[in-house]
């Protein structure tokens, strides 16, 4: 479980930052007619989000989470700033489970 936590944490931060960048690009595209940045950032964010989904599934299966919790963590990557919040919650939850299993 510990080996799956680090990739999840890294991808949660990256996806969160990329989502914020994407929101700015969408504002530029539809608010100001500047299409270039969103055409570049959108596919990169999409690819990174797919990696995030794989990392969540990997961690969720190793931690034996319910499907509802796994899907909730996956959806956290679709709301700006929520991936940062869930990264902290998931990290605390996994660290608590690791401490409990070690004791």
N, C-alpha and C. Protein backbone atom coordinates (compact mmCIF):
# COMPACT_ATOMS: atom_id res chain seq x y z
N UNK A 1 0.83 -1.19 0.00
CA UNK A 1 0.00 0.00 0.00
C UNK A 1 0.88 1.25 0.00
N UNK A 2 1.99 1.19 0.72
CA UNK A 2 2.89 2.33 0.78
C UNK A 2 3.47 2.67 -0.59
N UNK A 3 3.73 1.62 -1.40
CA UNK A 3 4.30 1.85 -2.73
C UNK A 3 3.30 2.51 -3.67
N UNK A 4 2.03 2.36 -3.42
CA UNK A 4 1.00 2.97 -4.27
C UNK A 4 0.65 4.38 -3.83
N UNK A 5 1.01 4.74 -2.62
CA UNK A 5 0.65 6.07 -2.10
C UNK A 5 1.45 7.18 -2.77
N UNK A 6 2.74 6.97 -2.97
CA UNK A 6 3.58 8.03 -3.55
C UNK A 6 3.15 8.42 -4.96
N UNK A 7 2.93 7.47 -5.89
CA UNK A 7 2.45 7.88 -7.22
C UNK A 7 1.10 8.60 -7.16
N UNK A 8 0.23 8.14 -6.26
CA UNK A 8 -1.06 8.81 -6.11
C UNK A 8 -0.86 10.27 -5.69
N UNK A 9 -0.03 10.49 -4.69
CA UNK A 9 0.19 11.85 -4.18
C UNK A 9 0.77 12.75 -5.26
N UNK A 10 1.76 12.25 -5.98
CA UNK A 10 2.39 13.04 -7.04
C UNK A 10 1.37 13.39 -8.11
N UNK A 11 0.61 12.40 -8.55
CA UNK A 11 -0.36 12.64 -9.62
C UNK A 11 -1.52 13.51 -9.15
N UNK A 12 -1.89 13.42 -7.88
CA UNK A 12 -2.96 14.28 -7.37
C UNK A 12 -2.54 15.75 -7.45
N UNK A 13 -1.30 16.03 -7.09
CA UNK A 13 -0.81 17.41 -7.18
C UNK A 13 -0.71 17.86 -8.63
N UNK A 14 -0.14 17.02 -9.48
CA UNK A 14 0.04 17.40 -10.88
C UNK A 14 -1.32 17.63 -11.55
N UNK A 15 -2.26 16.72 -11.33
CA UNK A 15 -3.59 16.86 -11.93
C UNK A 15 -4.29 18.11 -11.38
N UNK A 16 -4.12 18.38 -10.10
CA UNK A 16 -4.72 19.59 -9.53
C UNK A 16 -4.18 20.86 -10.15
N UNK A 17 -2.87 20.92 -10.31
CA UNK A 17 -2.25 22.10 -10.93
C UNK A 17 -2.67 22.20 -12.40
N UNK A 18 -2.63 21.09 -13.10
CA UNK A 18 -3.02 21.12 -14.52
C UNK A 18 -4.47 21.50 -14.70
N UNK A 19 -5.33 21.11 -13.78
CA UNK A 19 -6.74 21.49 -13.87
C UNK A 19 -6.90 23.00 -13.69
N UNK A 20 -6.14 23.57 -12.78
CA UNK A 20 -6.17 25.03 -12.60
C UNK A 20 -5.66 25.74 -13.85
N UNK A 21 -4.59 25.22 -14.45
CA UNK A 21 -4.07 25.78 -15.69
C UNK A 21 -5.12 25.65 -16.80
N UNK A 22 -5.78 24.51 -16.85
CA UNK A 22 -6.81 24.30 -17.87
C UNK A 22 -7.97 25.27 -17.70
N UNK A 23 -8.37 25.54 -16.48
CA UNK A 23 -9.45 26.50 -16.24
C UNK A 23 -9.06 27.88 -16.77
N UNK A 24 -7.83 28.28 -16.53
CA UNK A 24 -7.35 29.57 -17.06
C UNK A 24 -7.37 29.55 -18.59
N UNK A 25 -6.93 28.43 -19.18
CA UNK A 25 -6.93 28.32 -20.64
C UNK A 25 -8.34 28.37 -21.22
N UNK A 26 -9.29 27.76 -20.53
CA UNK A 26 -10.68 27.79 -21.00
C UNK A 26 -11.23 29.21 -20.92
N UNK A 27 -10.88 29.94 -19.87
CA UNK A 27 -11.30 31.35 -19.77
C UNK A 27 -10.68 32.15 -20.92
N UNK A 28 -9.42 31.90 -21.21
CA UNK A 28 -8.78 32.59 -22.33
C UNK A 28 -9.46 32.25 -23.65
N UNK A 29 -9.83 30.98 -23.79
CA UNK A 29 -10.44 30.54 -25.06
C UNK A 29 -11.83 31.13 -25.26
N UNK A 30 -12.69 30.96 -24.27
CA UNK A 30 -14.08 31.38 -24.46
C UNK A 30 -14.34 32.82 -24.03
N UNK A 31 -13.48 33.37 -23.19
CA UNK A 31 -13.66 34.75 -22.76
C UNK A 31 -12.96 35.76 -23.64
N UNK A 32 -11.80 35.35 -24.19
CA UNK A 32 -10.99 36.30 -24.95
C UNK A 32 -10.65 35.83 -26.35
N UNK A 33 -11.11 34.64 -26.73
CA UNK A 33 -10.89 34.14 -28.09
C UNK A 33 -9.47 33.67 -28.36
N UNK A 34 -8.69 33.40 -27.32
CA UNK A 34 -7.32 32.91 -27.48
C UNK A 34 -7.36 31.39 -27.34
N UNK A 35 -7.26 30.69 -28.48
CA UNK A 35 -7.46 29.23 -28.47
C UNK A 35 -6.19 28.42 -28.28
N UNK A 36 -5.03 28.99 -28.54
CA UNK A 36 -3.77 28.24 -28.52
C UNK A 36 -3.49 27.49 -27.23
N UNK A 37 -3.52 28.16 -26.08
CA UNK A 37 -3.15 27.46 -24.84
C UNK A 37 -4.05 26.27 -24.51
N UNK A 38 -5.35 26.41 -24.73
CA UNK A 38 -6.25 25.30 -24.38
C UNK A 38 -6.05 24.10 -25.30
N UNK A 39 -5.68 24.35 -26.55
CA UNK A 39 -5.42 23.24 -27.46
C UNK A 39 -4.17 22.47 -27.06
N UNK A 40 -3.26 23.13 -26.39
CA UNK A 40 -2.03 22.49 -25.93
C UNK A 40 -2.22 21.80 -24.57
N UNK A 41 -2.91 22.47 -23.66
CA UNK A 41 -3.04 21.99 -22.28
C UNK A 41 -4.08 20.88 -22.15
N UNK A 42 -5.16 20.95 -22.90
CA UNK A 42 -6.27 19.97 -22.77
C UNK A 42 -5.82 18.53 -22.93
N UNK A 43 -5.11 18.17 -24.00
CA UNK A 43 -4.71 16.76 -24.12
C UNK A 43 -3.71 16.32 -23.04
N UNK A 44 -2.85 17.23 -22.62
CA UNK A 44 -1.88 16.89 -21.57
C UNK A 44 -2.63 16.61 -20.27
N UNK A 45 -3.57 17.47 -19.93
CA UNK A 45 -4.37 17.24 -18.72
C UNK A 45 -5.15 15.93 -18.82
N UNK A 46 -5.73 15.67 -19.98
CA UNK A 46 -6.49 14.42 -20.16
C UNK A 46 -5.62 13.19 -19.94
N UNK A 47 -4.42 13.21 -20.49
CA UNK A 47 -3.51 12.07 -20.30
C UNK A 47 -3.12 11.92 -18.83
N UNK A 48 -2.79 13.03 -18.19
CA UNK A 48 -2.41 12.97 -16.78
C UNK A 48 -3.57 12.53 -15.89
N UNK A 49 -4.78 12.93 -16.26
CA UNK A 49 -5.95 12.50 -15.49
C UNK A 49 -6.14 10.99 -15.61
N UNK A 50 -5.88 10.43 -16.78
CA UNK A 50 -5.97 8.98 -16.94
C UNK A 50 -4.94 8.27 -16.05
N UNK A 51 -3.74 8.83 -15.96
CA UNK A 51 -2.73 8.26 -15.06
C UNK A 51 -3.19 8.36 -13.60
N UNK A 52 -3.82 9.48 -13.26
CA UNK A 52 -4.37 9.66 -11.92
C UNK A 52 -5.41 8.59 -11.61
N UNK A 53 -6.27 8.30 -12.57
CA UNK A 53 -7.29 7.26 -12.38
C UNK A 53 -6.65 5.90 -12.10
N UNK A 54 -5.60 5.59 -12.84
CA UNK A 54 -4.89 4.32 -12.63
C UNK A 54 -4.25 4.30 -11.23
N UNK A 55 -3.66 5.43 -10.82
CA UNK A 55 -3.03 5.50 -9.49
C UNK A 55 -4.07 5.34 -8.39
N UNK A 56 -5.24 5.95 -8.56
CA UNK A 56 -6.31 5.82 -7.57
C UNK A 56 -6.78 4.37 -7.50
N UNK A 57 -6.97 3.76 -8.65
CA UNK A 57 -7.44 2.37 -8.67
C UNK A 57 -6.40 1.45 -8.03
N UNK A 58 -5.13 1.67 -8.32
CA UNK A 58 -4.06 0.87 -7.73
C UNK A 58 -4.06 1.01 -6.21
N UNK A 59 -4.10 2.23 -5.72
CA UNK A 59 -4.10 2.46 -4.28
C UNK A 59 -5.38 1.93 -3.64
N UNK A 60 -6.50 2.16 -4.28
CA UNK A 60 -7.78 1.70 -3.74
C UNK A 60 -7.87 0.19 -3.62
N UNK A 61 -7.34 -0.50 -4.61
CA UNK A 61 -7.37 -1.97 -4.56
C UNK A 61 -6.42 -2.50 -3.48
N UNK A 62 -5.26 -1.88 -3.35
CA UNK A 62 -4.31 -2.31 -2.33
C UNK A 62 -4.81 -1.99 -0.92
N UNK A 63 -5.51 -0.87 -0.77
CA UNK A 63 -6.02 -0.47 0.54
C UNK A 63 -7.39 -1.09 0.83
N UNK A 64 -7.95 -1.78 -0.15
CA UNK A 64 -9.26 -2.44 -0.01
C UNK A 64 -10.38 -1.45 0.33
N UNK A 65 -10.39 -0.34 -0.44
CA UNK A 65 -11.45 0.65 -0.27
C UNK A 65 -12.72 0.15 -0.94
N UNK A 66 -13.84 0.73 -0.54
CA UNK A 66 -15.10 0.43 -1.22
C UNK A 66 -15.08 1.10 -2.59
N UNK A 67 -15.91 0.58 -3.50
CA UNK A 67 -15.99 1.16 -4.84
C UNK A 67 -16.48 2.60 -4.79
N UNK A 68 -17.36 2.89 -3.85
CA UNK A 68 -17.88 4.26 -3.74
C UNK A 68 -16.76 5.22 -3.37
N UNK A 69 -15.89 4.82 -2.48
CA UNK A 69 -14.78 5.69 -2.07
C UNK A 69 -13.79 5.86 -3.22
N UNK A 70 -13.50 4.79 -3.94
CA UNK A 70 -12.59 4.86 -5.09
C UNK A 70 -13.14 5.84 -6.13
N UNK A 71 -14.41 5.70 -6.45
CA UNK A 71 -15.03 6.60 -7.44
C UNK A 71 -15.03 8.04 -6.93
N UNK A 72 -15.28 8.24 -5.65
CA UNK A 72 -15.24 9.59 -5.08
C UNK A 72 -13.87 10.23 -5.21
N UNK A 73 -12.82 9.45 -4.94
CA UNK A 73 -11.46 9.97 -5.08
C UNK A 73 -11.15 10.24 -6.55
N UNK A 74 -11.63 9.39 -7.43
CA UNK A 74 -11.43 9.62 -8.86
C UNK A 74 -12.10 10.92 -9.31
N UNK A 75 -13.31 11.15 -8.84
CA UNK A 75 -14.04 12.36 -9.22
C UNK A 75 -13.43 13.62 -8.62
N UNK A 76 -12.66 13.47 -7.57
CA UNK A 76 -12.00 14.64 -6.96
C UNK A 76 -11.05 15.31 -7.94
N UNK A 77 -10.56 14.57 -8.91
CA UNK A 77 -9.67 15.15 -9.91
C UNK A 77 -10.38 15.96 -10.96
N UNK A 78 -11.70 16.06 -10.88
CA UNK A 78 -12.45 16.82 -11.88
C UNK A 78 -12.91 18.18 -11.36
N UNK A 79 -12.72 18.44 -10.08
CA UNK A 79 -13.16 19.71 -9.49
C UNK A 79 -11.91 20.49 -9.08
N UNK A 80 -11.76 21.72 -9.55
CA UNK A 80 -10.56 22.49 -9.19
C UNK A 80 -10.38 22.57 -7.67
N UNK A 81 -9.17 22.36 -7.23
CA UNK A 81 -8.71 22.39 -5.84
C UNK A 81 -9.12 21.18 -5.02
N UNK A 82 -10.10 20.39 -5.46
CA UNK A 82 -10.55 19.26 -4.67
C UNK A 82 -9.53 18.13 -4.64
N UNK A 83 -8.72 18.00 -5.68
CA UNK A 83 -7.70 16.94 -5.66
C UNK A 83 -6.68 17.18 -4.56
N UNK A 84 -6.41 18.45 -4.23
CA UNK A 84 -5.49 18.76 -3.15
C UNK A 84 -6.08 18.34 -1.80
N UNK A 85 -7.36 18.60 -1.62
CA UNK A 85 -8.05 18.24 -0.37
C UNK A 85 -8.07 16.72 -0.21
N UNK A 86 -8.44 16.03 -1.27
CA UNK A 86 -8.52 14.57 -1.20
C UNK A 86 -7.15 13.93 -1.06
N UNK A 87 -6.13 14.56 -1.63
CA UNK A 87 -4.78 14.01 -1.45
C UNK A 87 -4.42 13.98 0.03
N UNK A 88 -4.73 15.03 0.76
CA UNK A 88 -4.45 15.08 2.19
C UNK A 88 -5.28 14.04 2.95
N UNK A 89 -6.59 13.97 2.63
CA UNK A 89 -7.46 13.01 3.33
C UNK A 89 -7.01 11.57 3.08
N UNK A 90 -6.70 11.26 1.83
CA UNK A 90 -6.29 9.90 1.49
C UNK A 90 -4.95 9.58 2.14
N UNK A 91 -4.03 10.52 2.13
CA UNK A 91 -2.72 10.29 2.75
C UNK A 91 -2.87 10.00 4.24
N UNK A 92 -3.67 10.80 4.93
CA UNK A 92 -3.89 10.56 6.36
C UNK A 92 -4.56 9.20 6.59
N UNK A 93 -5.51 8.86 5.74
CA UNK A 93 -6.21 7.58 5.90
C UNK A 93 -5.26 6.41 5.70
N UNK A 94 -4.45 6.46 4.66
CA UNK A 94 -3.52 5.36 4.37
C UNK A 94 -2.45 5.28 5.46
N UNK A 95 -1.92 6.42 5.89
CA UNK A 95 -0.91 6.40 6.95
C UNK A 95 -1.48 5.83 8.25
N UNK A 96 -2.74 6.15 8.54
CA UNK A 96 -3.38 5.59 9.74
C UNK A 96 -3.56 4.09 9.61
N UNK A 97 -3.95 3.62 8.43
CA UNK A 97 -4.10 2.19 8.21
C UNK A 97 -2.75 1.47 8.31
N UNK A 98 -1.70 2.09 7.79
CA UNK A 98 -0.37 1.48 7.87
C UNK A 98 0.10 1.43 9.33
N UNK A 99 -0.16 2.49 10.09
CA UNK A 99 0.22 2.50 11.50
C UNK A 99 -0.55 1.45 12.29
N UNK A 100 -1.84 1.29 11.97
CA UNK A 100 -2.66 0.32 12.68
C UNK A 100 -2.22 -1.11 12.36
N UNK A 101 -1.84 -1.34 11.12
CA UNK A 101 -1.40 -2.70 10.75
C UNK A 101 -0.03 -3.02 11.30
N UNK A 102 0.80 -1.99 11.53
CA UNK A 102 2.13 -2.22 12.09
C UNK A 102 2.07 -2.49 13.59
N UNK A 103 1.02 -1.96 14.23
CA UNK A 103 0.92 -2.11 15.70
C UNK A 103 0.33 -3.44 16.11
